[in-house]
Amino acid sequence: MAFPISPLMSPGSKEDGTGGVPKSSLAGLLDAEDMRRAKAALSTALDPQGNGLLVGWDNPESGDKGSFTPVGKPFPLETGICRVFLAEVDRKGDEHAIQGTACSDKRGEWTIAVAKPWKKT
């Protein structure tokens, strides 16, 4: 299953007028291999047939790691099946957390619809 994750990785935000995700999210944090591993974890975590548990990823070469946790059950929208998630990235001790929603189209391709910084409570 392939899906674009670029909205999650793009700099800028709707709030600052550039239309992307806030700069404090994952923009510019992940190298190509980290991104490949993160994409696979996100796809597994959001799979409607999955167990709904946290799915982690790590890259021993870069030392970066992270996880995606689906929140609630998948739900239908006009764009397809969607699911809310929480994500955490630890880049050499610099931790980042986001919350978002991703949707899968009829072909099973996931697109991040919403992503913003998340404060753990």
PDB file of N, CA and C in Angstrom:
ATOM      1  N   MET A   1       0.855  -1.158   0.000  1.00  0.00           N
ATOM      2  CA  MET A   1       0.000   0.000   0.000  1.00  0.00           C
ATOM      3  C   MET A   1       0.911   1.234   0.000  1.00  0.00           C
ATOM      4  N   ALA A   2       0.755   2.114  -0.973  1.00  0.00           N
ATOM      5  CA  ALA A   2       1.542   3.345  -1.050  1.00  0.00           C
ATOM      6  C   ALA A   2       0.657   4.535  -0.755  1.00  0.00           C
ATOM      7  N   PHE A   3       1.261   5.578  -0.205  1.00  0.00           N
ATOM      8  CA  PHE A   3       0.493   6.787   0.058  1.00  0.00           C
ATOM      9  C   PHE A   3       1.424   7.970   0.158  1.00  0.00           C
ATOM     10  N   PRO A   4       0.958   9.148  -0.266  1.00  0.00           N
ATOM     11  CA  PRO A   4       1.782  10.334  -0.092  1.00  0.00           C
ATOM     12  C   PRO A   4       1.765  10.779   1.355  1.00  0.00           C
ATOM     13  N   ILE A   5       2.932  11.126   1.872  1.00  0.00           N
ATOM     14  CA  ILE A   5       3.023  11.618   3.236  1.00  0.00           C
ATOM     15  C   ILE A   5       3.538  13.051   3.226  1.00  0.00           C
ATOM     16  N   SER A   6       3.753  13.606   2.053  1.00  0.00           N
ATOM     17  CA  SER A   6       4.363  14.928   1.947  1.00  0.00           C
ATOM     18  C   SER A   6       3.643  16.017   2.722  1.00  0.00           C
ATOM     19  N   PRO A   7       2.315  16.036   2.843  1.00  0.00           N
ATOM     20  CA  PRO A   7       1.713  17.091   3.654  1.00  0.00           C
ATOM     21  C   PRO A   7       2.212  17.071   5.089  1.00  0.00           C
ATOM     22  N   LEU A   8       2.523  15.898   5.605  1.00  0.00           N
ATOM     23  CA  LEU A   8       3.024  15.785   6.956  1.00  0.00           C
ATOM     24  C   LEU A   8       4.443  16.327   7.044  1.00  0.00           C
ATOM     25  N   MET A   9       5.165  16.280   5.958  1.00  0.00           N
ATOM     26  CA  MET A   9       6.560  16.664   5.962  1.00  0.00           C
ATOM     27  C   MET A   9       6.801  18.072   5.440  1.00  0.00           C
ATOM     28  N   SER A  10       5.792  18.754   4.911  1.00  0.00           N
ATOM     29  CA  SER A  10       5.985  20.045   4.268  1.00  0.00           C
ATOM     30  C   SER A  10       6.103  21.174   5.276  1.00  0.00           C
ATOM     31  N   PRO A  11       6.997  22.144   4.985  1.00  0.00           N
ATOM     32  CA  PRO A  11       7.095  23.294   5.884  1.00  0.00           C
ATOM     33  C   PRO A  11       5.928  24.247   5.690  1.00  0.00           C
ATOM     34  N   GLY A  12       5.749  25.153   6.629  1.00  0.00           N
ATOM     35  CA  GLY A  12       4.674  26.142   6.533  1.00  0.00           C
ATOM     36  C   GLY A  12       3.412  25.628   7.168  1.00  0.00           C
ATOM     37  N   SER A  13       2.405  26.489   7.277  1.00  0.00           N
ATOM     38  CA  SER A  13       1.139  26.060   7.849  1.00  0.00           C
ATOM     39  C   SER A  13       0.012  26.883   7.288  1.00  0.00           C
ATOM     40  N   LYS A  14      -1.184  26.380   7.456  1.00  0.00           N
ATOM     41  CA  LYS A  14      -2.351  27.140   7.036  1.00  0.00           C
ATOM     42  C   LYS A  14      -2.425  28.435   7.819  1.00  0.00           C
ATOM     43  N   GLU A  15      -1.991  28.359   9.097  1.00  0.00           N
ATOM     44  CA  GLU A  15      -2.020  29.550   9.923  1.00  0.00           C
ATOM     45  C   GLU A  15      -1.074  30.622   9.407  1.00  0.00           C
ATOM     46  N   ASP A  16       0.091  30.220   8.831  1.00  0.00           N
ATOM     47  CA  ASP A  16       1.026  31.239   8.375  1.00  0.00           C
ATOM     48  C   ASP A  16       0.844  31.549   6.896  1.00  0.00           C
ATOM     49  N   GLY A  17      -0.222  31.012   6.285  1.00  0.00           N
ATOM     50  CA  GLY A  17      -0.577  31.358   4.920  1.00  0.00           C
ATOM     51  C   GLY A  17       0.087  30.531   3.835  1.00  0.00           C
ATOM     52  N   THR A  18       0.938  29.573   4.189  1.00  0.00           N
ATOM     53  CA  THR A  18       1.598  28.790   3.154  1.00  0.00           C
ATOM     54  C   THR A  18       0.859  27.502   2.829  1.00  0.00           C
ATOM     55  N   GLY A  19      -0.131  27.133   3.616  1.00  0.00           N
ATOM     56  CA  GLY A  19      -0.977  26.001   3.291  1.00  0.00           C
ATOM     57  C   GLY A  19      -0.460  24.647   3.709  1.00  0.00           C
ATOM     58  N   GLY A  20       0.695  24.546   4.356  1.00  0.00           N
ATOM     59  CA  GLY A  20       1.224  23.259   4.757  1.00  0.00           C
ATOM     60  C   GLY A  20       0.979  22.979   6.219  1.00  0.00           C
ATOM     61  N   VAL A  21       1.798  22.139   6.768  1.00  0.00           N
ATOM     62  CA  VAL A  21       1.732  21.753   8.164  1.00  0.00           C
ATOM     63  C   VAL A  21       2.619  22.709   8.959  1.00  0.00           C
ATOM     64  N   PRO A  22       2.284  22.999  10.204  1.00  0.00           N
ATOM     65  CA  PRO A  22       3.118  23.904  10.992  1.00  0.00           C
ATOM     66  C   PRO A  22       4.585  23.494  10.993  1.00  0.00           C
ATOM     67  N   LYS A  23       5.464  24.479  10.965  1.00  0.00           N
ATOM     68  CA  LYS A  23       6.899  24.217  10.911  1.00  0.00           C
ATOM     69  C   LYS A  23       7.369  23.390  12.095  1.00  0.00           C
ATOM     70  N   SER A  24       6.687  23.467  13.209  1.00  0.00           N
ATOM     71  CA  SER A  24       7.115  22.724  14.385  1.00  0.00           C
ATOM     72  C   SER A  24       6.733  21.251  14.316  1.00  0.00           C
ATOM     73  N   SER A  25       6.058  20.801  13.257  1.00  0.00           N
ATOM     74  CA  SER A  25       5.736  19.376  13.156  1.00  0.00           C
ATOM     75  C   SER A  25       6.959  18.636  12.609  1.00  0.00           C
ATOM     76  N   LEU A  26       6.796  17.746  11.664  1.00  0.00           N
ATOM     77  CA  LEU A  26       7.906  16.924  11.199  1.00  0.00           C
ATOM     78  C   LEU A  26       8.685  17.509  10.030  1.00  0.00           C
ATOM     79  N   ALA A  27       8.361  18.720   9.621  1.00  0.00           N
ATOM     80  CA  ALA A  27       9.000  19.327   8.454  1.00  0.00           C
ATOM     81  C   ALA A  27      10.518  19.355   8.615  1.00  0.00           C
ATOM     82  N   GLY A  28      11.188  18.754   7.668  1.00  0.00           N
ATOM     83  CA  GLY A  28      12.633  18.785   7.656  1.00  0.00           C
ATOM     84  C   GLY A  28      13.318  17.899   8.682  1.00  0.00           C
ATOM     85  N   LEU A  29      12.566  17.118   9.456  1.00  0.00           N
ATOM     86  CA  LEU A  29      13.173  16.296  10.499  1.00  0.00           C
ATOM     87  C   LEU A  29      13.717  14.969   9.982  1.00  0.00           C
ATOM     88  N   LEU A  30      13.071  14.411   8.988  1.00  0.00           N
ATOM     89  CA  LEU A  30      13.389  13.051   8.586  1.00  0.00           C
ATOM     90  C   LEU A  30      14.166  13.009   7.284  1.00  0.00           C
ATOM     91  N   ASP A  31      15.224  12.198   7.259  1.00  0.00           N
ATOM     92  CA  ASP A  31      15.919  11.979   6.001  1.00  0.00           C
ATOM     93  C   ASP A  31      15.141  10.928   5.203  1.00  0.00           C
ATOM     94  N   ALA A  32      15.614  10.603   4.029  1.00  0.00           N
ATOM     95  CA  ALA A  32      14.865   9.706   3.127  1.00  0.00           C
ATOM     96  C   ALA A  32      14.601   8.340   3.766  1.00  0.00           C
ATOM     97  N   GLU A  33      15.593   7.783   4.437  1.00  0.00           N
ATOM     98  CA  GLU A  33      15.404   6.456   5.045  1.00  0.00           C
ATOM     99  C   GLU A  33      14.458   6.537   6.240  1.00  0.00           C
ATOM    100  N   ASP A  34      14.573   7.593   7.051  1.00  0.00           N
ATOM    101  CA  ASP A  34      13.625   7.779   8.152  1.00  0.00           C
ATOM    102  C   ASP A  34      12.209   7.885   7.605  1.00  0.00           C
ATOM    103  N   MET A  35      12.044   8.642   6.533  1.00  0.00           N
ATOM    104  CA  MET A  35      10.723   8.833   5.951  1.00  0.00           C
ATOM    105  C   MET A  35      10.158   7.515   5.422  1.00  0.00           C
ATOM    106  N   ARG A  36      10.999   6.711   4.804  1.00  0.00           N
ATOM    107  CA  ARG A  36      10.549   5.408   4.297  1.00  0.00           C
ATOM    108  C   ARG A  36      10.041   4.543   5.443  1.00  0.00           C
ATOM    109  N   ARG A  37      10.777   4.529   6.528  1.00  0.00           N
ATOM    110  CA  ARG A  37      10.380   3.731   7.681  1.00  0.00           C
ATOM    111  C   ARG A  37       9.121   4.291   8.339  1.00  0.00           C
ATOM    112  N   ALA A  38       9.030   5.615   8.434  1.00  0.00           N
ATOM    113  CA  ALA A  38       7.849   6.249   9.021  1.00  0.00           C
ATOM    114  C   ALA A  38       6.604   5.976   8.179  1.00  0.00           C
ATOM    115  N   LYS A  39       6.730   6.029   6.861  1.00  0.00           N
ATOM    116  CA  LYS A  39       5.585   5.761   5.968  1.00  0.00           C
ATOM    117  C   LYS A  39       5.046   4.350   6.194  1.00  0.00           C
ATOM    118  N   ALA A  40       5.956   3.393   6.299  1.00  0.00           N
ATOM    119  CA  ALA A  40       5.518   2.006   6.511  1.00  0.00           C
ATOM    120  C   ALA A  40       4.803   1.857   7.847  1.00  0.00           C
ATOM    121  N   ALA A  41       5.318   2.508   8.886  1.00  0.00           N
ATOM    122  CA  ALA A  41       4.688   2.425  10.211  1.00  0.00           C
ATOM    123  C   ALA A  41       3.314   3.090  10.201  1.00  0.00           C
ATOM    124  N   LEU A  42       3.198   4.241   9.551  1.00  0.00           N
ATOM    125  CA  LEU A  42       1.909   4.939   9.492  1.00  0.00           C
ATOM    126  C   LEU A  42       0.884   4.095   8.753  1.00  0.00           C
ATOM    127  N   SER A  43       1.271   3.511   7.642  1.00  0.00           N
ATOM    128  CA  SER A  43       0.356   2.666   6.875  1.00  0.00           C
ATOM    129  C   SER A  43      -0.139   1.489   7.702  1.00  0.00           C
ATOM    130  N   THR A  44       0.762   0.866   8.436  1.00  0.00           N
ATOM    131  CA  THR A  44       0.391  -0.271   9.278  1.00  0.00           C
ATOM    132  C   THR A  44      -0.517   0.178  10.419  1.00  0.00           C
ATOM    133  N   ALA A  45      -0.168   1.300  11.060  1.00  0.00           N
ATOM    134  CA  ALA A  45      -0.953   1.780  12.200  1.00  0.00           C
ATOM    135  C   ALA A  45      -2.379   2.134  11.805  1.00  0.00           C
ATOM    136  N   LEU A  46      -2.556   2.725  10.623  1.00  0.00           N
ATOM    137  CA  LEU A  46      -3.884   3.202  10.224  1.00  0.00           C
ATOM    138  C   LEU A  46      -4.730   2.149   9.522  1.00  0.00           C
ATOM    139  N   ASP A  47      -4.161   1.016   9.197  1.00  0.00           N
ATOM    140  CA  ASP A  47      -4.890  -0.037   8.491  1.00  0.00           C
ATOM    141  C   ASP A  47      -6.170  -0.385   9.251  1.00  0.00           C
ATOM    142  N   PRO A  48      -7.346  -0.207   8.609  1.00  0.00           N
ATOM    143  CA  PRO A  48      -8.611  -0.516   9.283  1.00  0.00           C
ATOM    144  C   PRO A  48      -8.710  -1.968   9.758  1.00  0.00           C
ATOM    145  N   GLN A  49      -7.960  -2.869   9.142  1.00  0.00           N
ATOM    146  CA  GLN A  49      -7.973  -4.273   9.549  1.00  0.00           C
ATOM    147  C   GLN A  49      -6.958  -4.558  10.645  1.00  0.00           C
ATOM    148  N   GLY A  50      -6.175  -3.531  11.020  1.00  0.00           N
ATOM    149  CA  GLY A  50      -5.133  -3.709  12.021  1.00  0.00           C
ATOM    150  C   GLY A  50      -5.689  -3.789  13.435  1.00  0.00           C
ATOM    151  N   ASN A  51      -4.774  -3.911  14.395  1.00  0.00           N
ATOM    152  CA  ASN A  51      -5.178  -4.102  15.786  1.00  0.00           C
ATOM    153  C   ASN A  51      -5.365  -2.796  16.553  1.00  0.00           C
ATOM    154  N   GLY A  52      -5.100  -1.645  15.915  1.00  0.00           N
ATOM    155  CA  GLY A  52      -5.319  -0.365  16.563  1.00  0.00           C
ATOM    156  C   GLY A  52      -4.268   0.018  17.596  1.00  0.00           C
ATOM    157  N   LEU A  53      -3.141  -0.681  17.588  1.00  0.00           N
ATOM    158  CA  LEU A  53      -2.090  -0.408  18.556  1.00  0.00           C
ATOM    159  C   LEU A  53      -0.977   0.439  17.957  1.00  0.00           C
ATOM    160  N   LEU A  54      -0.119   0.962  18.815  1.00  0.00           N
ATOM    161  CA  LEU A  54       1.041   1.742  18.418  1.00  0.00           C
ATOM    162  C   LEU A  54       1.926   0.930  17.480  1.00  0.00           C
ATOM    163  N   VAL A  55       2.427   1.595  16.435  1.00  0.00           N
ATOM    164  CA  VAL A  55       3.387   0.979  15.527  1.00  0.00           C
ATOM    165  C   VAL A  55       4.614   1.879  15.503  1.00  0.00           C
ATOM    166  N   GLY A  56       5.737   1.319  15.890  1.00  0.00           N
ATOM    167  CA  GLY A  56       6.971   2.083  15.954  1.00  0.00           C
ATOM    168  C   GLY A  56       7.863   1.854  14.756  1.00  0.00           C
ATOM    169  N   TRP A  57       8.805   2.773  14.592  1.00  0.00           N
ATOM    170  CA  TRP A  57       9.844   2.646  13.579  1.00  0.00           C
ATOM    171  C   TRP A  57      11.141   3.183  14.169  1.00  0.00           C
ATOM    172  N   ASP A  58      12.257   2.719  13.643  1.00  0.00           N
ATOM    173  CA  ASP A  58      13.535   3.284  14.045  1.00  0.00           C
ATOM    174  C   ASP A  58      14.525   3.123  12.911  1.00  0.00           C
ATOM    175  N   ASN A  59      15.556   3.928  12.950  1.00  0.00           N
ATOM    176  CA  ASN A  59      16.614   3.873  11.955  1.00  0.00           C
ATOM    177  C   ASN A  59      17.937   3.822  12.712  1.00  0.00           C
ATOM    178  N   PRO A  60      18.530   2.639  12.826  1.00  0.00           N
ATOM    179  CA  PRO A  60      19.783   2.510  13.567  1.00  0.00           C
ATOM    180  C   PRO A  60      20.904   3.387  13.001  1.00  0.00           C
ATOM    181  N   GLU A  61      20.874   3.651  11.690  1.00  0.00           N
ATOM    182  CA  GLU A  61      21.918   4.482  11.083  1.00  0.00           C
ATOM    183  C   GLU A  61      21.856   5.922  11.575  1.00  0.00           C
ATOM    184  N   SER A  62      20.668   6.519  11.586  1.00  0.00           N
ATOM    185  CA  SER A  62      20.524   7.926  11.979  1.00  0.00           C
ATOM    186  C   SER A  62      20.301   8.076  13.485  1.00  0.00           C
ATOM    187  N   GLY A  63      19.834   7.006  14.134  1.00  0.00           N
ATOM    188  CA  GLY A  63      19.485   7.081  15.547  1.00  0.00           C
ATOM    189  C   GLY A  63      18.093   7.645  15.779  1.00  0.00           C
ATOM    190  N   ASP A  64      17.392   8.004  14.698  1.00  0.00           N
ATOM    191  CA  ASP A  64      16.044   8.551  14.817  1.00  0.00           C
ATOM    192  C   ASP A  64      15.040   7.418  14.990  1.00  0.00           C
ATOM    193  N   LYS A  65      13.936   7.730  15.671  1.00  0.00           N
ATOM    194  CA  LYS A  65      12.884   6.734  15.873  1.00  0.00           C
ATOM    195  C   LYS A  65      11.573   7.462  16.088  1.00  0.00           C
ATOM    196  N   GLY A  66      10.487   6.713  16.006  1.00  0.00           N
ATOM    197  CA  GLY A  66       9.185   7.311  16.214  1.00  0.00           C
ATOM    198  C   GLY A  66       8.106   6.266  16.282  1.00  0.00           C
ATOM    199  N   SER A  67       6.877   6.757  16.392  1.00  0.00           N
ATOM    200  CA  SER A  67       5.742   5.845  16.441  1.00  0.00           C
ATOM    201  C   SER A  67       4.490   6.566  15.977  1.00  0.00           C
ATOM    202  N   PHE A  68       3.526   5.767  15.554  1.00  0.00           N
ATOM    203  CA  PHE A  68       2.196   6.240  15.183  1.00  0.00           C
ATOM    204  C   PHE A  68       1.190   5.409  15.960  1.00  0.00           C
ATOM    205  N   THR A  69       0.228   6.094  16.557  1.00  0.00           N
ATOM    206  CA  THR A  69      -0.829   5.419  17.308  1.00  0.00           C
ATOM    207  C   THR A  69      -2.176   5.860  16.754  1.00  0.00           C
ATOM    208  N   PRO A  70      -2.968   4.922  16.220  1.00  0.00           N
ATOM    209  CA  PRO A  70      -4.308   5.301  15.779  1.00  0.00           C
ATOM    210  C   PRO A  70      -5.168   5.650  16.984  1.00  0.00           C
ATOM    211  N   VAL A  71      -6.045   6.625  16.792  1.00  0.00           N
ATOM    212  CA  VAL A  71      -6.945   7.052  17.860  1.00  0.00           C
ATOM    213  C   VAL A  71      -8.364   6.779  17.391  1.00  0.00           C
ATOM    214  N   GLY A  72      -9.085   5.960  18.109  1.00  0.00           N
ATOM    215  CA  GLY A  72     -10.445   5.620  17.716  1.00  0.00           C
ATOM    216  C   GLY A  72     -10.483   4.685  16.519  1.00  0.00           C
ATOM    217  N   LYS A  73     -11.659   4.502  16.037  1.00  0.00           N
ATOM    218  CA  LYS A  73     -11.888   3.601  14.908  1.00  0.00           C
ATOM    219  C   LYS A  73     -11.863   4.383  13.594  1.00  0.00           C
ATOM    220  N   PRO A  74     -11.588   3.694  12.478  1.00  0.00           N
ATOM    221  CA  PRO A  74     -11.673   4.356  11.170  1.00  0.00           C
ATOM    222  C   PRO A  74     -13.106   4.844  10.952  1.00  0.00           C
ATOM    223  N   PHE A  75     -13.235   5.937  10.187  1.00  0.00           N
ATOM    224  CA  PHE A  75     -14.559   6.478   9.907  1.00  0.00           C
ATOM    225  C   PHE A  75     -14.620   6.925   8.448  1.00  0.00           C
ATOM    226  N   PRO A  76     -15.814   6.816   7.836  1.00  0.00           N
ATOM    227  CA  PRO A  76     -15.946   7.209   6.430  1.00  0.00           C
ATOM    228  C   PRO A  76     -16.142   8.725   6.294  1.00  0.00           C
ATOM    229  N   LEU A  77     -15.535   9.276   5.283  1.00  0.00           N
ATOM    230  CA  LEU A  77     -15.760  10.650   4.843  1.00  0.00           C
ATOM    231  C   LEU A  77     -15.900  10.592   3.334  1.00  0.00           C
ATOM    232  N   GLU A  78     -16.305  11.683   2.738  1.00  0.00           N
ATOM    233  CA  GLU A  78     -16.460  11.672   1.280  1.00  0.00           C
ATOM    234  C   GLU A  78     -15.136  11.397   0.580  1.00  0.00           C
ATOM    235  N   THR A  79     -14.003  11.675   1.250  1.00  0.00           N
ATOM    236  CA  THR A  79     -12.699  11.425   0.652  1.00  0.00           C
ATOM    237  C   THR A  79     -12.261   9.974   0.780  1.00  0.00           C
ATOM    238  N   GLY A  80     -12.935   9.186   1.596  1.00  0.00           N
ATOM    239  CA  GLY A  80     -12.575   7.784   1.799  1.00  0.00           C
ATOM    240  C   GLY A  80     -12.662   7.415   3.263  1.00  0.00           C
ATOM    241  N   ILE A  81     -11.911   6.407   3.664  1.00  0.00           N
ATOM    242  CA  ILE A  81     -11.846   5.977   5.056  1.00  0.00           C
ATOM    243  C   ILE A  81     -10.754   6.795   5.734  1.00  0.00           C
ATOM    244  N   CYS A  82     -11.071   7.366   6.895  1.00  0.00           N
ATOM    245  CA  CYS A  82     -10.122   8.225   7.600  1.00  0.00           C
ATOM    246  C   CYS A  82      -9.853   7.680   8.997  1.00  0.00           C
ATOM    247  N   ARG A  83      -8.741   8.131   9.560  1.00  0.00           N
ATOM    248  CA  ARG A  83      -8.401   7.723  10.914  1.00  0.00           C
ATOM    249  C   ARG A  83      -7.537   8.797  11.555  1.00  0.00           C
ATOM    250  N   VAL A  84      -7.845   9.100  12.796  1.00  0.00           N
ATOM    251  CA  VAL A  84      -7.064  10.047  13.584  1.00  0.00           C
ATOM    252  C   VAL A  84      -5.861   9.300  14.151  1.00  0.00           C
ATOM    253  N   PHE A  85      -4.737   9.995  14.272  1.00  0.00           N
ATOM    254  CA  PHE A  85      -3.539   9.367  14.818  1.00  0.00           C
ATOM    255  C   PHE A  85      -2.741  10.365  15.651  1.00  0.00           C
ATOM    256  N   LEU A  86      -1.890   9.822  16.489  1.00  0.00           N
ATOM    257  CA  LEU A  86      -0.877  10.584  17.208  1.00  0.00           C
ATOM    258  C   LEU A  86       0.469  10.057  16.749  1.00  0.00           C
ATOM    259  N   ALA A  87       1.416  10.960  16.565  1.00  0.00           N
ATOM    260  CA  ALA A  87       2.751  10.558  16.130  1.00  0.00           C
ATOM    261  C   ALA A  87       3.793  11.185  17.040  1.00  0.00           C
ATOM    262  N   GLU A  88       4.846  10.433  17.268  1.00  0.00           N
ATOM    263  CA  GLU A  88       5.977  10.936  18.027  1.00  0.00           C
ATOM    264  C   GLU A  88       7.245  10.628  17.258  1.00  0.00           C
ATOM    265  N   VAL A  89       8.168  11.592  17.253  1.00  0.00           N
ATOM    266  CA  VAL A  89       9.467  11.410  16.624  1.00  0.00           C
ATOM    267  C   VAL A  89      10.534  11.844  17.609  1.00  0.00           C
ATOM    268  N   ASP A  90      11.530  11.004  17.787  1.00  0.00           N
ATOM    269  CA  ASP A  90      12.679  11.321  18.626  1.00  0.00           C
ATOM    270  C   ASP A  90      13.889  11.372  17.705  1.00  0.00           C
ATOM    271  N   ARG A  91      14.363  12.581  17.493  1.00  0.00           N
ATOM    272  CA  ARG A  91      15.517  12.778  16.619  1.00  0.00           C
ATOM    273  C   ARG A  91      16.707  13.128  17.491  1.00  0.00           C
ATOM    274  N   LYS A  92      17.450  12.094  17.869  1.00  0.00           N
ATOM    275  CA  LYS A  92      18.634  12.260  18.714  1.00  0.00           C
ATOM    276  C   LYS A  92      18.316  13.048  19.979  1.00  0.00           C
ATOM    277  N   GLY A  93      17.215  12.697  20.637  1.00  0.00           N
ATOM    278  CA  GLY A  93      16.828  13.329  21.885  1.00  0.00           C
ATOM    279  C   GLY A  93      15.927  14.546  21.725  1.00  0.00           C
ATOM    280  N   ASP A  94      15.750  15.037  20.517  1.00  0.00           N
ATOM    281  CA  ASP A  94      14.854  16.168  20.249  1.00  0.00           C
ATOM    282  C   ASP A  94      13.493  15.578  19.892  1.00  0.00           C
ATOM    283  N   GLU A  95      12.556  15.617  20.844  1.00  0.00           N
ATOM    284  CA  GLU A  95      11.270  14.953  20.664  1.00  0.00           C
ATOM    285  C   GLU A  95      10.228  15.892  20.071  1.00  0.00           C
ATOM    286  N   HIS A  96       9.443  15.349  19.149  1.00  0.00           N
ATOM    287  CA  HIS A  96       8.359  16.074  18.490  1.00  0.00           C
ATOM    288  C   HIS A  96       7.109  15.204  18.535  1.00  0.00           C
ATOM    289  N   ALA A  97       5.960  15.827  18.753  1.00  0.00           N
ATOM    290  CA  ALA A  97       4.687  15.102  18.776  1.00  0.00           C
ATOM    291  C   ALA A  97       3.685  15.843  17.902  1.00  0.00           C
ATOM    292  N   ILE A  98       2.916  15.093  17.128  1.00  0.00           N
ATOM    293  CA  ILE A  98       1.864  15.680  16.301  1.00  0.00           C
ATOM    294  C   ILE A  98       0.601  14.857  16.444  1.00  0.00           C
ATOM    295  N   GLN A  99      -0.513  15.497  16.144  1.00  0.00           N
ATOM    296  CA  GLN A  99      -1.785  14.787  16.017  1.00  0.00           C
ATOM    297  C   GLN A  99      -2.290  15.082  14.617  1.00  0.00           C
ATOM    298  N   GLY A 100      -2.980  14.124  14.049  1.00  0.00           N
ATOM    299  CA  GLY A 100      -3.447  14.330  12.692  1.00  0.00           C
ATOM    300  C   GLY A 100      -4.552  13.374  12.305  1.00  0.00           C
ATOM    301  N   THR A 101      -4.988  13.558  11.088  1.00  0.00           N
ATOM    302  CA  THR A 101      -5.979  12.676  10.474  1.00  0.00           C
ATOM    303  C   THR A 101      -5.478  12.345   9.081  1.00  0.00           C
ATOM    304  N   ALA A 102      -5.550  11.089   8.729  1.00  0.00           N
ATOM    305  CA  ALA A 102      -5.182  10.643   7.395  1.00  0.00           C
ATOM    306  C   ALA A 102      -6.370   9.907   6.795  1.00  0.00           C
ATOM    307  N   CYS A 103      -6.497   9.986   5.474  1.00  0.00           N
ATOM    308  CA  CYS A 103      -7.591   9.317   4.776  1.00  0.00           C
ATOM    309  C   CYS A 103      -7.041   8.436   3.672  1.00  0.00           C
ATOM    310  N   SER A 104      -7.695   7.316   3.471  1.00  0.00           N
ATOM    311  CA  SER A 104      -7.325   6.361   2.427  1.00  0.00           C
ATOM    312  C   SER A 104      -8.369   6.432   1.322  1.00  0.00           C
ATOM    313  N   ASP A 105      -7.903   6.587   0.088  1.00  0.00           N
ATOM    314  CA  ASP A 105      -8.847   6.621  -1.027  1.00  0.00           C
ATOM    315  C   ASP A 105      -9.240   5.203  -1.430  1.00  0.00           C
ATOM    316  N   LYS A 106     -10.022   5.083  -2.477  1.00  0.00           N
ATOM    317  CA  LYS A 106     -10.523   3.769  -2.913  1.00  0.00           C
ATOM    318  C   LYS A 106      -9.405   2.830  -3.347  1.00  0.00           C
ATOM    319  N   ARG A 107      -8.259   3.392  -3.723  1.00  0.00           N
ATOM    320  CA  ARG A 107      -7.108   2.569  -4.122  1.00  0.00           C
ATOM    321  C   ARG A 107      -6.254   2.170  -2.925  1.00  0.00           C
ATOM    322  N   GLY A 108      -6.614   2.661  -1.729  1.00  0.00           N
ATOM    323  CA  GLY A 108      -5.859   2.325  -0.532  1.00  0.00           C
ATOM    324  C   GLY A 108      -4.661   3.230  -0.285  1.00  0.00           C
ATOM    325  N   GLU A 109      -4.587   4.354  -0.980  1.00  0.00           N
ATOM    326  CA  GLU A 109      -3.480   5.278  -0.782  1.00  0.00           C
ATOM    327  C   GLU A 109      -3.829   6.282   0.314  1.00  0.00           C
ATOM    328  N   TRP A 110      -2.969   6.397   1.323  1.00  0.00           N
ATOM    329  CA  TRP A 110      -3.192   7.286   2.461  1.00  0.00           C
ATOM    330  C   TRP A 110      -2.643   8.669   2.187  1.00  0.00           C
ATOM    331  N   THR A 111      -3.402   9.675   2.597  1.00  0.00           N
ATOM    332  CA  THR A 111      -2.992  11.070   2.505  1.00  0.00           C
ATOM    333  C   THR A 111      -3.258  11.728   3.851  1.00  0.00           C
ATOM    334  N   ILE A 112      -2.278  12.456   4.345  1.00  0.00           N
ATOM    335  CA  ILE A 112      -2.465  13.194   5.592  1.00  0.00           C
ATOM    336  C   ILE A 112      -3.360  14.382   5.295  1.00  0.00           C
ATOM    337  N   ALA A 113      -4.517  14.429   5.937  1.00  0.00           N
ATOM    338  CA  ALA A 113      -5.470  15.512   5.718  1.00  0.00           C
ATOM    339  C   ALA A 113      -5.215  16.669   6.673  1.00  0.00           C
ATOM    340  N   VAL A 114      -4.863  16.367   7.912  1.00  0.00           N
ATOM    341  CA  VAL A 114      -4.635  17.371   8.947  1.00  0.00           C
ATOM    342  C   VAL A 114      -3.469  16.894   9.806  1.00  0.00           C
ATOM    343  N   ALA A 115      -2.575  17.804  10.147  1.00  0.00           N
ATOM    344  CA  ALA A 115      -1.498  17.486  11.088  1.00  0.00           C
ATOM    345  C   ALA A 115      -1.099  18.766  11.803  1.00  0.00           C
ATOM    346  N   LYS A 116      -0.973  18.678  13.107  1.00  0.00           N
ATOM    347  CA  LYS A 116      -0.585  19.855  13.881  1.00  0.00           C
ATOM    348  C   LYS A 116       0.180  19.414  15.110  1.00  0.00           C
ATOM    349  N   PRO A 117       0.947  20.308  15.701  1.00  0.00           N
ATOM    350  CA  PRO A 117       1.685  19.942  16.915  1.00  0.00           C
ATOM    351  C   PRO A 117       0.719  19.446  17.989  1.00  0.00           C
ATOM    352  N   TRP A 118       1.195  18.524  18.782  1.00  0.00           N
ATOM    353  CA  TRP A 118       0.399  17.933  19.840  1.00  0.00           C
ATOM    354  C   TRP A 118       1.166  18.063  21.142  1.00  0.00           C
ATOM    355  N   LYS A 119       0.500  18.543  22.166  1.00  0.00           N
ATOM    356  CA  LYS A 119       1.115  18.630  23.490  1.00  0.00           C
ATOM    357  C   LYS A 119       0.621  17.471  24.329  1.00  0.00           C
ATOM    358  N   LYS A 120       1.554  16.680  24.815  1.00  0.00           N
ATOM    359  CA  LYS A 120       1.192  15.578  25.702  1.00  0.00           C
ATOM    360  C   LYS A 120       0.743  16.159  27.035  1.00  0.00           C
ATOM    361  N   THR A 121      -0.300  15.543  27.599  1.00  0.00           N
ATOM    362  CA  THR A 121      -0.770  16.021  28.902  1.00  0.00           C
ATOM    363  C   THR A 121      -0.439  15.050  29.989  1.00  0.00           C
TER     364      THR A 121
END
